Amino acid sequence: MQKVWHKVNSVFLGRSQIHSMFYALINQKGITVHCAEKPLVIEQMQSLVGIEGEEAYIEVASYRSYSDPLIVMICDDEFLRKSCQPTCITAEGAVIHGQVLVLAIDRATEDFGLLTKQQVEVVKRETKLYQVHSR
């Protein structure tokens, strides 16, 4: 049996994963997209934001940073106290620090859900990464 691979949003997916959903992480290295079979639970979200791998309390950083109003940016609500490095800038101009999780709002459950392929493209195209200005 021949394996068929498709490159979707910088992630290689086998044929069985084509209809999977995604979440995105933004950090100092850029944007990474991860495949997920089911929505993340709160504990998973807490371990993904802020300092990578360190549990945190989540806070929605922005509901309006993307042209798709269902896409949200989630961060560690204590990112300043933890001295996290700047990562990205919201549409409102706020600088977010630490690792940022990007999810979608699921209209059916009115809770956090996963991103579609189209929403991932919006995230990749519209995210404003923080740029350190050299003097």
Protein backbone atom coordinates (compact mmCIF):
# COMPACT_ATOMS: atom_id res chain seq x y z
CA MET A 1 0.00 0.00 0.00
CA GLN A 2 1.39 3.36 -1.03
CA LYS A 3 1.33 6.13 1.57
CA VAL A 4 -0.03 9.44 0.36
CA TRP A 5 1.18 12.55 2.16
CA HIS A 6 -0.11 16.07 1.83
CA LYS A 7 1.65 19.18 3.05
CA VAL A 8 -0.90 21.31 4.88
CA ASN A 9 0.16 24.44 6.75
CA SER A 10 3.77 23.28 7.26
CA VAL A 11 2.57 19.97 8.71
CA PHE A 12 2.77 16.72 6.75
CA LEU A 13 -0.42 14.72 7.08
CA GLY A 14 -1.31 11.22 6.00
CA ARG A 15 -4.52 10.65 4.08
CA SER A 16 -6.38 9.69 7.28
CA GLN A 17 -5.53 13.05 8.85
CA ILE A 18 -6.69 15.33 6.04
CA HIS A 19 -9.97 16.14 7.81
CA SER A 20 -8.37 16.67 11.22
CA MET A 21 -8.57 19.91 13.09
CA PHE A 22 -5.72 22.03 14.35
CA TYR A 23 -4.41 24.42 16.96
CA ALA A 24 -1.58 26.89 16.52
CA LEU A 25 1.18 27.96 18.87
CA ILE A 26 2.95 31.29 18.56
CA ASN A 27 6.30 31.77 20.26
CA GLN A 28 9.63 33.47 19.57
CA LYS A 29 10.40 30.87 16.89
CA GLY A 30 7.24 31.74 14.94
CA ILE A 31 3.99 29.87 14.35
CA THR A 32 3.65 26.11 14.56
CA VAL A 33 0.53 24.20 13.65
CA HIS A 34 -0.45 21.00 15.43
CA CYS A 35 -3.03 18.40 14.45
CA ALA A 36 -5.59 17.32 17.06
CA GLU A 37 -8.40 14.80 16.90
CA LYS A 38 -10.53 16.42 19.61
CA PRO A 39 -10.73 19.83 21.32
CA LEU A 40 -8.14 20.60 23.96
CA VAL A 41 -9.16 20.38 27.61
CA ILE A 42 -8.29 23.14 30.05
CA GLU A 43 -5.25 21.31 31.43
CA GLN A 44 -3.81 20.96 27.93
CA MET A 45 -4.39 24.66 27.24
CA GLN A 46 -2.71 25.59 30.53
CA SER A 47 0.38 23.56 29.71
CA LEU A 48 0.67 25.12 26.23
CA VAL A 49 0.60 28.83 27.12
CA GLY A 50 3.21 30.99 28.80
CA ILE A 51 6.51 29.24 29.33
CA GLU A 52 6.51 26.11 27.21
CA GLY A 53 5.67 23.07 29.32
CA GLU A 54 4.98 25.06 32.52
CA GLU A 55 1.39 25.09 33.73
CA ALA A 56 -0.36 28.43 33.66
CA TYR A 57 -3.74 30.09 34.05
CA ILE A 58 -5.24 30.92 30.69
CA GLU A 59 -6.66 34.24 29.59
CA VAL A 60 -8.09 35.25 26.22
CA ALA A 61 -5.66 37.85 24.92
CA SER A 62 -7.76 38.84 21.94
CA TYR A 63 -11.07 38.04 20.31
CA ARG A 64 -10.41 40.49 17.45
CA SER A 65 -6.94 39.88 16.03
CA TYR A 66 -8.08 38.02 12.94
CA SER A 67 -10.51 38.65 10.09
CA ASP A 68 -12.36 35.49 11.18
CA PRO A 69 -14.15 36.53 14.40
CA LEU A 70 -14.19 32.93 15.69
CA ILE A 71 -10.39 32.80 16.06
CA VAL A 72 -9.02 33.65 19.53
CA MET A 73 -5.56 34.13 21.03
CA ILE A 74 -5.03 32.61 24.48
CA CYS A 75 -2.10 33.40 26.76
CA ASP A 76 -0.85 32.92 30.31
CA ASP A 77 -2.54 35.59 32.42
CA GLU A 78 0.68 35.95 34.45
CA PHE A 79 3.07 36.37 31.50
CA LEU A 80 4.46 39.68 32.75
CA ARG A 81 5.09 38.41 36.27
CA LYS A 82 6.86 35.37 34.83
CA SER A 83 9.08 37.61 32.66
CA CYS A 84 8.13 35.86 29.43
CA GLN A 85 9.58 37.31 26.22
CA PRO A 86 7.37 39.25 23.76
CA THR A 87 5.79 37.01 21.13
CA CYS A 88 3.10 38.78 19.11
CA ILE A 89 0.91 41.85 18.88
CA THR A 90 -2.89 41.82 18.94
CA ALA A 91 -4.99 43.84 16.49
CA GLU A 92 -5.65 46.20 19.41
CA GLY A 93 -1.89 46.81 19.73
CA ALA A 94 -1.27 44.86 22.94
CA VAL A 95 2.04 43.00 23.09
CA ILE A 96 1.56 39.41 24.25
CA HIS A 97 4.43 37.57 25.93
CA GLY A 98 5.20 33.87 26.21
CA GLN A 99 3.76 31.06 24.16
CA VAL A 100 0.34 31.90 22.73
CA LEU A 101 -2.30 29.32 21.84
CA VAL A 102 -4.65 30.05 18.94
CA LEU A 103 -7.99 28.26 18.85
CA ALA A 104 -11.45 28.81 17.41
CA ILE A 105 -14.74 29.30 19.16
CA ASP A 106 -17.07 26.38 18.46
CA ARG A 107 -20.48 27.93 17.75
CA ALA A 108 -22.33 24.74 18.70
CA THR A 109 -20.82 24.49 22.19
CA GLU A 110 -19.90 28.18 22.67
CA ASP A 111 -16.55 26.95 23.97
CA PHE A 112 -12.99 26.70 22.68
CA GLY A 113 -12.64 24.39 19.71
CA LEU A 114 -10.06 23.58 17.07
CA LEU A 115 -9.12 25.46 13.93
CA THR A 116 -10.07 24.40 10.42
CA LYS A 117 -7.50 24.39 7.61
CA GLN A 118 -8.95 27.69 6.38
CA GLN A 119 -8.63 29.26 9.84
CA VAL A 120 -5.02 28.06 10.09
CA GLU A 121 -4.29 29.91 6.85
CA VAL A 122 -5.84 33.07 8.34
CA VAL A 123 -3.66 32.68 11.47
CA LYS A 124 -0.50 32.21 9.40
CA ARG A 125 -1.30 35.17 7.16
CA GLU A 126 -2.56 37.65 9.77
CA THR A 127 -0.53 37.01 12.95
CA LYS A 128 1.69 39.95 13.81
CA LEU A 129 4.87 38.52 15.31
CA TYR A 130 6.77 40.75 17.72
CA GLN A 131 9.94 42.07 16.11
CA VAL A 132 12.85 43.16 18.27
CA HIS A 133 14.18 46.43 16.89
CA SER A 134 17.95 46.70 16.93
CA ARG A 135 19.48 50.04 17.78
